[in-house]
């Protein structure tokens, strides 16, 4: 790997943003790690939350699953449940909960009915998926069904700014990713001087 991982990072991940008139929705991991472990999902959530905060947005993370707060006991549900436990223990500063359905992530009213003790308040703006398949499929279906602007994937966890351009990227997408990489490079240079 030429660029390499940032110090202490175990797995790279892709963060995608969908922006529409109601705001921004961040999704991870949409492009890199096929089947991350609970530890990797926790790390991806921390890295994504930090990236979201750089945009001046308070991250509100939902760990997604076909299980809604223990309603199923599949491998993926247990993995997301374990990732939530890791985050609660090691990163109590991050507003996160899970494992939960997608509609629960986006509706506080549903969470109040299903799991009133949820740590997540309001609508989640960071959707963390159990695997690459679920994340990438969701991203591309939502992107095609809505008028949302797609920014990304932003490669997170790297030692230096680097991003991915997909075959379907538009000229605006190339511009957006180039601008993002330039700003990140300036920030890295300022931190190191």
N, C-alpha and C. Protein backbone atom coordinates (compact mmCIF):
# COMPACT_ATOMS: atom_id res chain seq x y z
N UNK A 1 0.85 -1.17 0.00
CA UNK A 1 0.00 0.00 0.00
C UNK A 1 0.90 1.24 0.00
N UNK A 2 0.72 2.12 -0.94
CA UNK A 2 1.57 3.30 -1.09
C UNK A 2 1.27 4.35 -0.03
N UNK A 3 0.02 4.71 0.15
CA UNK A 3 -0.36 5.75 1.12
C UNK A 3 -0.35 5.19 2.53
N UNK A 4 -0.91 4.04 2.72
CA UNK A 4 -0.93 3.40 4.03
C UNK A 4 -2.04 3.88 4.93
N UNK A 5 -2.16 3.20 6.05
CA UNK A 5 -3.18 3.52 7.04
C UNK A 5 -2.63 4.54 8.03
N UNK A 6 -3.53 5.33 8.58
CA UNK A 6 -3.15 6.26 9.64
C UNK A 6 -2.70 5.45 10.85
N UNK A 7 -1.89 6.06 11.69
CA UNK A 7 -1.38 5.37 12.87
C UNK A 7 -2.54 4.86 13.73
N UNK A 8 -2.48 3.59 14.10
CA UNK A 8 -3.49 2.98 14.95
C UNK A 8 -4.72 2.47 14.23
N UNK A 9 -4.84 2.72 12.94
CA UNK A 9 -6.01 2.28 12.18
C UNK A 9 -5.78 0.86 11.67
N UNK A 10 -6.78 0.01 11.83
CA UNK A 10 -6.67 -1.39 11.42
C UNK A 10 -7.33 -1.67 10.07
N UNK A 11 -8.40 -0.92 9.75
CA UNK A 11 -9.12 -1.17 8.50
C UNK A 11 -9.56 0.14 7.87
N UNK A 12 -9.32 0.28 6.59
CA UNK A 12 -9.82 1.43 5.85
C UNK A 12 -11.30 1.23 5.57
N UNK A 13 -12.00 2.32 5.32
CA UNK A 13 -13.41 2.21 4.96
C UNK A 13 -13.81 3.37 4.06
N UNK A 14 -14.93 3.19 3.40
CA UNK A 14 -15.45 4.22 2.50
C UNK A 14 -16.67 4.87 3.12
N UNK A 15 -16.66 6.20 3.14
CA UNK A 15 -17.78 6.98 3.67
C UNK A 15 -18.42 7.72 2.51
N UNK A 16 -19.70 7.49 2.30
CA UNK A 16 -20.43 8.18 1.23
C UNK A 16 -21.44 9.12 1.85
N UNK A 17 -21.67 10.23 1.15
CA UNK A 17 -22.62 11.23 1.63
C UNK A 17 -23.70 11.41 0.57
N UNK A 18 -24.95 11.41 1.00
CA UNK A 18 -26.06 11.78 0.14
C UNK A 18 -26.64 13.07 0.71
N UNK A 19 -26.70 14.10 -0.13
CA UNK A 19 -27.17 15.41 0.32
C UNK A 19 -28.41 15.79 -0.48
N UNK A 20 -29.48 16.15 0.26
CA UNK A 20 -30.68 16.67 -0.39
C UNK A 20 -31.20 17.87 0.40
N UNK A 21 -32.39 18.32 0.08
CA UNK A 21 -32.92 19.52 0.72
C UNK A 21 -33.14 19.36 2.22
N UNK A 22 -33.22 18.14 2.72
CA UNK A 22 -33.43 17.93 4.16
C UNK A 22 -32.13 17.78 4.93
N UNK A 23 -31.00 17.66 4.24
CA UNK A 23 -29.72 17.55 4.94
C UNK A 23 -28.83 16.49 4.33
N UNK A 24 -27.88 16.05 5.14
CA UNK A 24 -26.88 15.07 4.68
C UNK A 24 -27.05 13.76 5.42
N UNK A 25 -26.91 12.67 4.68
CA UNK A 25 -26.92 11.32 5.25
C UNK A 25 -25.59 10.67 4.88
N UNK A 26 -24.86 10.23 5.89
CA UNK A 26 -23.56 9.59 5.70
C UNK A 26 -23.74 8.08 5.83
N UNK A 27 -23.06 7.32 4.98
CA UNK A 27 -23.15 5.85 5.00
C UNK A 27 -21.76 5.25 4.98
N UNK A 28 -21.54 4.22 5.80
CA UNK A 28 -20.26 3.52 5.79
C UNK A 28 -20.51 2.03 6.03
N UNK A 29 -19.73 1.15 5.60
CA UNK A 29 -18.66 1.24 4.64
C UNK A 29 -19.21 0.87 3.28
N UNK A 30 -19.24 1.83 2.37
CA UNK A 30 -19.88 1.64 1.08
C UNK A 30 -18.97 1.10 -0.02
N UNK A 31 -17.64 1.01 0.24
CA UNK A 31 -16.75 0.63 -0.86
C UNK A 31 -15.54 -0.22 -0.53
N UNK A 32 -15.19 -0.49 0.72
CA UNK A 32 -13.87 -1.06 0.97
C UNK A 32 -13.89 -2.46 1.60
N UNK A 33 -14.36 -2.60 2.82
CA UNK A 33 -14.22 -3.85 3.57
C UNK A 33 -15.45 -4.73 3.40
N UNK A 34 -15.26 -5.92 2.81
CA UNK A 34 -16.39 -6.81 2.50
C UNK A 34 -17.23 -7.20 3.70
N UNK A 35 -16.61 -7.73 4.71
CA UNK A 35 -17.34 -8.25 5.87
C UNK A 35 -16.57 -7.89 7.14
N UNK A 36 -16.66 -6.63 7.58
CA UNK A 36 -15.88 -6.21 8.73
C UNK A 36 -16.32 -6.90 10.02
N UNK A 37 -15.36 -7.05 10.92
CA UNK A 37 -15.65 -7.61 12.25
C UNK A 37 -16.32 -6.53 13.11
N UNK A 38 -16.79 -6.91 14.28
CA UNK A 38 -17.38 -5.95 15.22
C UNK A 38 -16.37 -4.87 15.58
N UNK A 39 -15.12 -5.27 15.81
CA UNK A 39 -14.05 -4.30 16.13
C UNK A 39 -13.86 -3.33 14.97
N UNK A 40 -13.84 -3.84 13.75
CA UNK A 40 -13.65 -2.98 12.58
C UNK A 40 -14.84 -2.04 12.39
N UNK A 41 -16.04 -2.53 12.63
CA UNK A 41 -17.23 -1.68 12.52
C UNK A 41 -17.16 -0.56 13.56
N UNK A 42 -16.75 -0.89 14.77
CA UNK A 42 -16.60 0.14 15.80
C UNK A 42 -15.57 1.18 15.36
N UNK A 43 -14.44 0.72 14.84
CA UNK A 43 -13.40 1.64 14.38
C UNK A 43 -13.90 2.51 13.22
N UNK A 44 -14.61 1.90 12.26
CA UNK A 44 -15.16 2.66 11.14
C UNK A 44 -16.13 3.73 11.62
N UNK A 45 -16.92 3.40 12.63
CA UNK A 45 -17.88 4.35 13.18
C UNK A 45 -17.16 5.53 13.80
N UNK A 46 -16.10 5.27 14.55
CA UNK A 46 -15.31 6.34 15.17
C UNK A 46 -14.69 7.23 14.10
N UNK A 47 -14.08 6.61 13.08
CA UNK A 47 -13.45 7.38 12.00
C UNK A 47 -14.49 8.19 11.22
N UNK A 48 -15.63 7.59 10.94
CA UNK A 48 -16.69 8.30 10.21
C UNK A 48 -17.24 9.45 11.04
N UNK A 49 -17.42 9.23 12.34
CA UNK A 49 -17.92 10.30 13.22
C UNK A 49 -16.95 11.48 13.24
N UNK A 50 -15.66 11.19 13.27
CA UNK A 50 -14.65 12.26 13.24
C UNK A 50 -14.70 13.03 11.92
N UNK A 51 -14.88 12.31 10.83
CA UNK A 51 -14.97 12.96 9.51
C UNK A 51 -16.21 13.84 9.43
N UNK A 52 -17.33 13.36 9.94
CA UNK A 52 -18.57 14.14 9.94
C UNK A 52 -18.39 15.40 10.78
N UNK A 53 -17.74 15.28 11.91
CA UNK A 53 -17.49 16.44 12.78
C UNK A 53 -16.64 17.49 12.06
N UNK A 54 -15.72 17.04 11.19
CA UNK A 54 -14.91 17.99 10.40
C UNK A 54 -15.78 18.86 9.50
N UNK A 55 -16.95 18.36 9.13
CA UNK A 55 -17.89 19.14 8.32
C UNK A 55 -18.73 20.08 9.18
N UNK A 56 -18.51 20.07 10.49
CA UNK A 56 -19.29 20.92 11.39
C UNK A 56 -20.65 20.33 11.73
N UNK A 57 -20.80 19.04 11.56
CA UNK A 57 -22.06 18.34 11.82
C UNK A 57 -21.86 17.40 13.00
N UNK A 58 -22.82 17.38 13.92
CA UNK A 58 -22.76 16.45 15.04
C UNK A 58 -23.18 15.07 14.56
N UNK A 59 -22.28 14.08 14.65
CA UNK A 59 -22.65 12.73 14.18
C UNK A 59 -23.65 12.05 15.11
N UNK A 60 -24.62 11.38 14.49
CA UNK A 60 -25.62 10.58 15.20
C UNK A 60 -25.65 9.24 14.47
N UNK A 61 -25.00 8.24 15.06
CA UNK A 61 -24.76 6.98 14.36
C UNK A 61 -25.78 5.90 14.72
N UNK A 62 -26.21 5.18 13.70
CA UNK A 62 -27.08 4.02 13.87
C UNK A 62 -26.39 2.81 13.26
N UNK A 63 -26.23 1.75 14.06
CA UNK A 63 -25.66 0.50 13.58
C UNK A 63 -26.81 -0.35 13.04
N UNK A 64 -26.84 -0.53 11.73
CA UNK A 64 -28.00 -1.13 11.07
C UNK A 64 -27.92 -2.65 11.01
N UNK A 65 -29.11 -3.25 11.01
CA UNK A 65 -29.22 -4.70 11.01
C UNK A 65 -30.64 -5.10 10.60
N UNK A 66 -30.83 -6.36 10.27
CA UNK A 66 -32.19 -6.89 10.09
C UNK A 66 -32.83 -7.14 11.45
N UNK A 67 -32.05 -6.98 12.50
CA UNK A 67 -32.53 -7.12 13.88
C UNK A 67 -32.75 -5.73 14.46
N UNK A 68 -33.82 -5.58 15.21
CA UNK A 68 -34.14 -4.31 15.85
C UNK A 68 -34.00 -4.47 17.36
N UNK A 69 -32.85 -4.07 17.89
CA UNK A 69 -32.58 -4.13 19.33
C UNK A 69 -32.84 -5.53 19.90
N UNK A 70 -32.22 -6.53 19.28
CA UNK A 70 -32.28 -7.89 19.80
C UNK A 70 -33.42 -8.74 19.29
N UNK A 71 -34.15 -8.28 18.27
CA UNK A 71 -35.30 -9.05 17.77
C UNK A 71 -34.88 -10.29 16.98
N UNK A 72 -33.63 -10.34 16.53
CA UNK A 72 -33.10 -11.51 15.82
C UNK A 72 -31.72 -11.83 16.36
N UNK A 73 -31.26 -13.04 16.11
CA UNK A 73 -29.97 -13.44 16.65
C UNK A 73 -29.03 -13.99 15.56
N UNK A 74 -29.07 -13.38 14.39
CA UNK A 74 -28.20 -13.81 13.29
C UNK A 74 -26.76 -13.40 13.57
N UNK A 75 -25.84 -13.93 12.78
CA UNK A 75 -24.43 -13.55 12.93
C UNK A 75 -24.25 -12.05 12.75
N UNK A 76 -24.90 -11.48 11.72
CA UNK A 76 -24.77 -10.04 11.46
C UNK A 76 -25.35 -9.22 12.61
N UNK A 77 -26.48 -9.66 13.16
CA UNK A 77 -27.09 -8.93 14.29
C UNK A 77 -26.17 -8.97 15.50
N UNK A 78 -25.61 -10.14 15.78
CA UNK A 78 -24.69 -10.24 16.93
C UNK A 78 -23.45 -9.37 16.71
N UNK A 79 -22.96 -9.33 15.48
CA UNK A 79 -21.79 -8.51 15.16
C UNK A 79 -22.09 -7.03 15.41
N UNK A 80 -23.24 -6.55 14.96
CA UNK A 80 -23.59 -5.15 15.14
C UNK A 80 -23.85 -4.84 16.62
N UNK A 81 -24.46 -5.79 17.33
CA UNK A 81 -24.69 -5.63 18.77
C UNK A 81 -23.36 -5.50 19.50
N UNK A 82 -22.39 -6.34 19.13
CA UNK A 82 -21.06 -6.30 19.74
C UNK A 82 -20.36 -4.98 19.41
N UNK A 83 -20.48 -4.51 18.17
CA UNK A 83 -19.88 -3.22 17.80
C UNK A 83 -20.47 -2.10 18.65
N UNK A 84 -21.78 -2.14 18.89
CA UNK A 84 -22.41 -1.13 19.76
C UNK A 84 -21.83 -1.19 21.17
N UNK A 85 -21.66 -2.39 21.70
CA UNK A 85 -21.08 -2.53 23.05
C UNK A 85 -19.68 -1.94 23.10
N UNK A 86 -18.88 -2.19 22.08
CA UNK A 86 -17.51 -1.65 22.02
C UNK A 86 -17.57 -0.12 22.03
N UNK A 87 -18.46 0.43 21.22
CA UNK A 87 -18.57 1.89 21.15
C UNK A 87 -19.07 2.49 22.46
N UNK A 88 -20.06 1.85 23.09
CA UNK A 88 -20.56 2.35 24.38
C UNK A 88 -19.43 2.38 25.40
N UNK A 89 -18.61 1.34 25.38
CA UNK A 89 -17.53 1.20 26.37
C UNK A 89 -16.36 2.15 26.09
N UNK A 90 -15.90 2.19 24.85
CA UNK A 90 -14.67 2.93 24.53
C UNK A 90 -14.89 4.35 24.03
N UNK A 91 -16.08 4.63 23.53
CA UNK A 91 -16.34 5.96 22.95
C UNK A 91 -17.71 6.48 23.38
N UNK A 92 -17.89 6.69 24.68
CA UNK A 92 -19.19 7.17 25.16
C UNK A 92 -19.54 8.57 24.65
N UNK A 93 -18.55 9.29 24.12
CA UNK A 93 -18.79 10.64 23.59
C UNK A 93 -19.54 10.62 22.25
N UNK A 94 -19.59 9.47 21.59
CA UNK A 94 -20.28 9.38 20.30
C UNK A 94 -21.73 8.99 20.54
N UNK A 95 -22.65 9.75 19.95
CA UNK A 95 -24.07 9.40 20.04
C UNK A 95 -24.33 8.28 19.04
N UNK A 96 -24.53 7.09 19.56
CA UNK A 96 -24.66 5.90 18.72
C UNK A 96 -25.59 4.90 19.40
N UNK A 97 -26.30 4.13 18.59
CA UNK A 97 -27.07 3.02 19.14
C UNK A 97 -27.25 1.97 18.06
N UNK A 98 -27.70 0.81 18.49
CA UNK A 98 -27.90 -0.30 17.57
C UNK A 98 -27.81 -1.60 18.33
N UNK A 99 -28.12 -2.63 17.70
CA UNK A 99 -28.40 -2.78 16.29
C UNK A 99 -29.86 -2.43 16.04
N UNK A 100 -30.14 -1.87 14.86
CA UNK A 100 -31.51 -1.43 14.57
C UNK A 100 -31.82 -1.47 13.08
N UNK A 101 -33.13 -1.50 12.80
CA UNK A 101 -33.62 -1.42 11.42
C UNK A 101 -33.36 -0.02 10.87
N UNK A 102 -33.37 0.09 9.55
CA UNK A 102 -33.18 1.39 8.91
C UNK A 102 -34.26 2.39 9.27
N UNK A 103 -35.52 1.95 9.37
CA UNK A 103 -36.58 2.90 9.72
C UNK A 103 -36.44 3.37 11.16
N UNK A 104 -35.98 2.50 12.04
CA UNK A 104 -35.73 2.92 13.42
C UNK A 104 -34.63 3.97 13.48
N UNK A 105 -33.63 3.83 12.62
CA UNK A 105 -32.52 4.79 12.59
C UNK A 105 -33.00 6.18 12.19
N UNK A 106 -33.98 6.23 11.32
CA UNK A 106 -34.43 7.51 10.78
C UNK A 106 -35.64 8.09 11.50
N UNK A 107 -36.24 7.34 12.43
CA UNK A 107 -37.44 7.81 13.11
C UNK A 107 -37.33 7.62 14.62
N UNK A 108 -37.25 8.73 15.33
CA UNK A 108 -37.22 8.66 16.79
C UNK A 108 -38.53 8.09 17.32
N UNK A 109 -39.66 8.36 16.64
CA UNK A 109 -40.95 7.84 17.08
C UNK A 109 -40.95 6.31 17.06
N UNK A 110 -40.38 5.71 16.03
CA UNK A 110 -40.31 4.25 15.97
C UNK A 110 -39.41 3.73 17.09
N UNK A 111 -38.26 4.37 17.29
CA UNK A 111 -37.36 3.92 18.37
C UNK A 111 -38.03 4.02 19.73
N UNK A 112 -38.80 5.07 19.96
CA UNK A 112 -39.48 5.22 21.25
C UNK A 112 -40.47 4.09 21.48
N UNK A 113 -41.10 3.62 20.41
CA UNK A 113 -42.04 2.51 20.52
C UNK A 113 -41.31 1.18 20.70
N UNK A 114 -40.25 0.95 19.93
CA UNK A 114 -39.55 -0.33 19.92
C UNK A 114 -38.55 -0.44 21.06
N UNK A 115 -37.83 0.64 21.33
CA UNK A 115 -36.76 0.61 22.32
C UNK A 115 -36.63 2.00 22.96
N UNK A 116 -37.50 2.30 23.94
CA UNK A 116 -37.53 3.64 24.52
C UNK A 116 -36.23 4.06 25.20
N UNK A 117 -35.38 3.12 25.54
CA UNK A 117 -34.11 3.45 26.22
C UNK A 117 -32.99 3.76 25.24
N UNK A 118 -33.32 3.95 23.96
CA UNK A 118 -32.28 4.20 22.96
C UNK A 118 -31.43 5.41 23.33
N UNK A 119 -30.14 5.29 23.08
CA UNK A 119 -29.19 6.39 23.33
C UNK A 119 -29.21 7.42 22.21
N UNK A 120 -29.79 7.05 21.08
CA UNK A 120 -29.83 7.92 19.91
C UNK A 120 -31.07 8.80 19.98
N UNK A 121 -30.88 10.10 19.84
CA UNK A 121 -32.00 11.05 19.86
C UNK A 121 -32.12 11.69 18.49
N UNK A 122 -33.34 11.87 18.03
CA UNK A 122 -33.56 12.45 16.71
C UNK A 122 -33.24 11.45 15.61
N UNK A 123 -33.00 11.97 14.43
CA UNK A 123 -32.73 11.14 13.26
C UNK A 123 -31.24 10.88 13.13
N UNK A 124 -30.88 9.63 12.87
CA UNK A 124 -29.47 9.29 12.63
C UNK A 124 -29.01 9.96 11.34
N UNK A 125 -27.75 10.43 11.33
CA UNK A 125 -27.18 10.97 10.09
C UNK A 125 -25.98 10.15 9.62
N UNK A 126 -25.62 9.14 10.39
CA UNK A 126 -24.56 8.19 10.02
C UNK A 126 -25.13 6.78 10.09
N UNK A 127 -25.28 6.16 8.93
CA UNK A 127 -25.79 4.79 8.86
C UNK A 127 -24.61 3.85 8.66
N UNK A 128 -24.43 2.96 9.64
CA UNK A 128 -23.30 2.02 9.63
C UNK A 128 -23.87 0.64 9.30
N UNK A 129 -23.38 0.06 8.21
CA UNK A 129 -23.92 -1.20 7.70
C UNK A 129 -23.08 -2.39 8.16
N UNK A 130 -23.70 -3.58 8.23
CA UNK A 130 -22.97 -4.77 8.68
C UNK A 130 -21.96 -5.31 7.67
N UNK A 131 -22.15 -4.95 6.40
CA UNK A 131 -21.20 -5.42 5.38
C UNK A 131 -21.27 -4.53 4.14
N UNK A 132 -20.31 -4.72 3.28
CA UNK A 132 -20.19 -3.93 2.06
C UNK A 132 -21.40 -4.11 1.15
N UNK A 133 -21.89 -5.32 1.02
CA UNK A 133 -23.03 -5.58 0.13
C UNK A 133 -24.22 -4.72 0.51
N UNK A 134 -24.60 -4.75 1.79
CA UNK A 134 -25.76 -3.98 2.25
C UNK A 134 -25.55 -2.49 2.04
N UNK A 135 -24.36 -2.00 2.36
CA UNK A 135 -24.08 -0.56 2.25
C UNK A 135 -24.07 -0.10 0.81
N UNK A 136 -23.40 -0.83 -0.06
CA UNK A 136 -23.27 -0.41 -1.45
C UNK A 136 -24.61 -0.49 -2.18
N UNK A 137 -25.36 -1.55 -1.94
CA UNK A 137 -26.68 -1.69 -2.56
C UNK A 137 -27.59 -0.55 -2.11
N UNK A 138 -27.64 -0.29 -0.81
CA UNK A 138 -28.49 0.78 -0.29
C UNK A 138 -28.09 2.13 -0.88
N UNK A 139 -26.79 2.43 -0.88
CA UNK A 139 -26.31 3.69 -1.44
C UNK A 139 -26.78 3.87 -2.88
N UNK A 140 -26.56 2.87 -3.70
CA UNK A 140 -26.88 3.01 -5.12
C UNK A 140 -28.37 3.03 -5.41
N UNK A 141 -29.16 2.29 -4.65
CA UNK A 141 -30.62 2.33 -4.83
C UNK A 141 -31.15 3.71 -4.42
N UNK A 142 -30.75 4.19 -3.25
CA UNK A 142 -31.22 5.50 -2.78
C UNK A 142 -30.76 6.61 -3.72
N UNK A 143 -29.52 6.52 -4.16
CA UNK A 143 -28.98 7.53 -5.09
C UNK A 143 -29.82 7.60 -6.37
N UNK A 144 -30.23 6.46 -6.90
CA UNK A 144 -31.02 6.44 -8.13
C UNK A 144 -32.48 6.82 -7.91
N UNK A 145 -33.00 6.59 -6.71
CA UNK A 145 -34.42 6.86 -6.44
C UNK A 145 -34.68 8.29 -5.98
N UNK A 146 -33.63 9.02 -5.66
CA UNK A 146 -33.81 10.37 -5.14
C UNK A 146 -33.01 11.37 -5.96
N UNK A 147 -33.20 12.61 -5.66
CA UNK A 147 -32.44 13.69 -6.30
C UNK A 147 -31.21 14.05 -5.47
N UNK A 148 -30.80 13.19 -4.57
CA UNK A 148 -29.69 13.50 -3.67
C UNK A 148 -28.37 13.59 -4.43
N UNK A 149 -27.54 14.53 -4.01
CA UNK A 149 -26.19 14.66 -4.53
C UNK A 149 -25.31 13.66 -3.79
N UNK A 150 -24.56 12.86 -4.54
CA UNK A 150 -23.66 11.88 -3.92
C UNK A 150 -22.26 12.47 -3.88
N UNK A 151 -21.66 12.48 -2.69
CA UNK A 151 -20.27 12.87 -2.52
C UNK A 151 -19.55 11.66 -1.94
N UNK A 152 -18.51 11.23 -2.63
CA UNK A 152 -17.76 10.10 -2.12
C UNK A 152 -17.53 9.06 -3.20
N UNK A 153 -16.97 7.96 -2.78
CA UNK A 153 -16.64 7.62 -1.40
C UNK A 153 -15.40 8.36 -0.89
N UNK A 154 -15.49 8.80 0.35
CA UNK A 154 -14.36 9.39 1.05
C UNK A 154 -13.65 8.23 1.72
N UNK A 155 -12.41 8.03 1.40
CA UNK A 155 -11.64 6.94 2.01
C UNK A 155 -11.17 7.42 3.38
N UNK A 156 -11.58 6.73 4.43
CA UNK A 156 -11.20 7.14 5.79
C UNK A 156 -10.30 6.09 6.43
N UNK A 157 -9.38 6.61 7.25
CA UNK A 157 -8.42 5.74 7.91
C UNK A 157 -7.06 5.75 7.24
N UNK A 158 -6.87 6.58 6.21
CA UNK A 158 -5.60 6.62 5.49
C UNK A 158 -4.61 7.58 6.16
N UNK A 159 -3.33 7.35 5.90
CA UNK A 159 -2.28 8.20 6.47
C UNK A 159 -2.28 9.59 5.83
N UNK A 160 -2.70 9.67 4.57
CA UNK A 160 -2.76 10.94 3.84
C UNK A 160 -4.07 10.98 3.06
N UNK A 161 -4.51 12.18 2.65
CA UNK A 161 -5.76 12.27 1.89
C UNK A 161 -5.68 11.51 0.56
N UNK A 162 -6.62 10.63 0.37
CA UNK A 162 -6.76 9.89 -0.89
C UNK A 162 -8.21 9.43 -0.97
N UNK A 163 -8.77 9.47 -2.16
CA UNK A 163 -10.17 9.09 -2.32
C UNK A 163 -10.35 8.20 -3.54
N UNK A 164 -11.54 7.67 -3.68
CA UNK A 164 -11.87 6.74 -4.75
C UNK A 164 -12.83 7.42 -5.71
N UNK A 165 -12.58 7.27 -7.00
CA UNK A 165 -13.54 7.72 -8.01
C UNK A 165 -14.12 6.48 -8.67
N UNK A 166 -15.43 6.36 -8.65
CA UNK A 166 -16.09 5.19 -9.22
C UNK A 166 -16.31 5.40 -10.72
N UNK A 167 -16.55 4.33 -11.47
CA UNK A 167 -16.77 4.47 -12.91
C UNK A 167 -17.97 5.36 -13.26
N UNK A 168 -18.95 5.47 -12.38
CA UNK A 168 -20.15 6.27 -12.68
C UNK A 168 -20.01 7.73 -12.24
N UNK A 169 -18.84 8.14 -11.78
CA UNK A 169 -18.67 9.50 -11.28
C UNK A 169 -18.91 10.53 -12.39
N UNK A 170 -19.54 11.63 -12.00
CA UNK A 170 -19.79 12.73 -12.94
C UNK A 170 -18.65 13.75 -12.83
N UNK A 171 -18.64 14.71 -13.74
CA UNK A 171 -17.61 15.75 -13.65
C UNK A 171 -17.75 16.54 -12.35
N UNK A 172 -18.98 16.75 -11.90
CA UNK A 172 -19.19 17.42 -10.61
C UNK A 172 -18.63 16.58 -9.48
N UNK A 173 -18.78 15.27 -9.56
CA UNK A 173 -18.23 14.37 -8.55
C UNK A 173 -16.72 14.44 -8.49
N UNK A 174 -16.08 14.50 -9.66
CA UNK A 174 -14.62 14.63 -9.70
C UNK A 174 -14.21 15.94 -9.04
N UNK A 175 -14.92 17.02 -9.36
CA UNK A 175 -14.62 18.32 -8.76
C UNK A 175 -14.79 18.26 -7.24
N UNK A 176 -15.91 17.71 -6.77
CA UNK A 176 -16.17 17.63 -5.32
C UNK A 176 -15.08 16.85 -4.60
N UNK A 177 -14.70 15.71 -5.13
CA UNK A 177 -13.68 14.88 -4.47
C UNK A 177 -12.31 15.55 -4.52
N UNK A 178 -12.00 16.24 -5.62
CA UNK A 178 -10.72 16.96 -5.72
C UNK A 178 -10.66 18.08 -4.70
N UNK A 179 -11.76 18.82 -4.57
CA UNK A 179 -11.81 19.91 -3.60
C UNK A 179 -11.67 19.37 -2.18
N UNK A 180 -12.35 18.28 -1.89
CA UNK A 180 -12.26 17.67 -0.56
C UNK A 180 -10.83 17.22 -0.26
N UNK A 181 -10.19 16.57 -1.22
CA UNK A 181 -8.80 16.11 -1.03
C UNK A 181 -7.86 17.29 -0.83
N UNK A 182 -8.07 18.38 -1.56
CA UNK A 182 -7.21 19.56 -1.42
C UNK A 182 -7.35 20.18 -0.03
N UNK A 183 -8.56 20.30 0.46
CA UNK A 183 -8.78 20.85 1.81
C UNK A 183 -8.14 19.95 2.85
N UNK A 184 -8.30 18.63 2.71
CA UNK A 184 -7.68 17.70 3.65
C UNK A 184 -6.16 17.81 3.63
N UNK A 185 -5.58 17.94 2.45
CA UNK A 185 -4.12 18.06 2.34
C UNK A 185 -3.63 19.32 3.04
N UNK A 186 -4.36 20.41 2.89
CA UNK A 186 -3.99 21.66 3.58
C UNK A 186 -4.08 21.47 5.09
N UNK A 187 -5.13 20.82 5.57
CA UNK A 187 -5.29 20.58 7.01
C UNK A 187 -4.17 19.69 7.54
N UNK A 188 -3.78 18.67 6.80
CA UNK A 188 -2.69 17.79 7.22
C UNK A 188 -1.39 18.58 7.30
N UNK A 189 -1.14 19.42 6.30
CA UNK A 189 0.09 20.23 6.30
C UNK A 189 0.10 21.20 7.48
N UNK A 190 -1.04 21.82 7.78
CA UNK A 190 -1.12 22.77 8.90
C UNK A 190 -0.89 22.07 10.23
N UNK A 191 -1.42 20.86 10.38
CA UNK A 191 -1.24 20.10 11.63
C UNK A 191 0.21 19.68 11.82
N UNK A 192 0.91 19.40 10.73
CA UNK A 192 2.29 18.92 10.84
C UNK A 192 3.31 20.05 10.94
N UNK A 193 2.88 21.29 10.74
CA UNK A 193 3.85 22.40 10.83
C UNK A 193 3.78 23.12 12.16
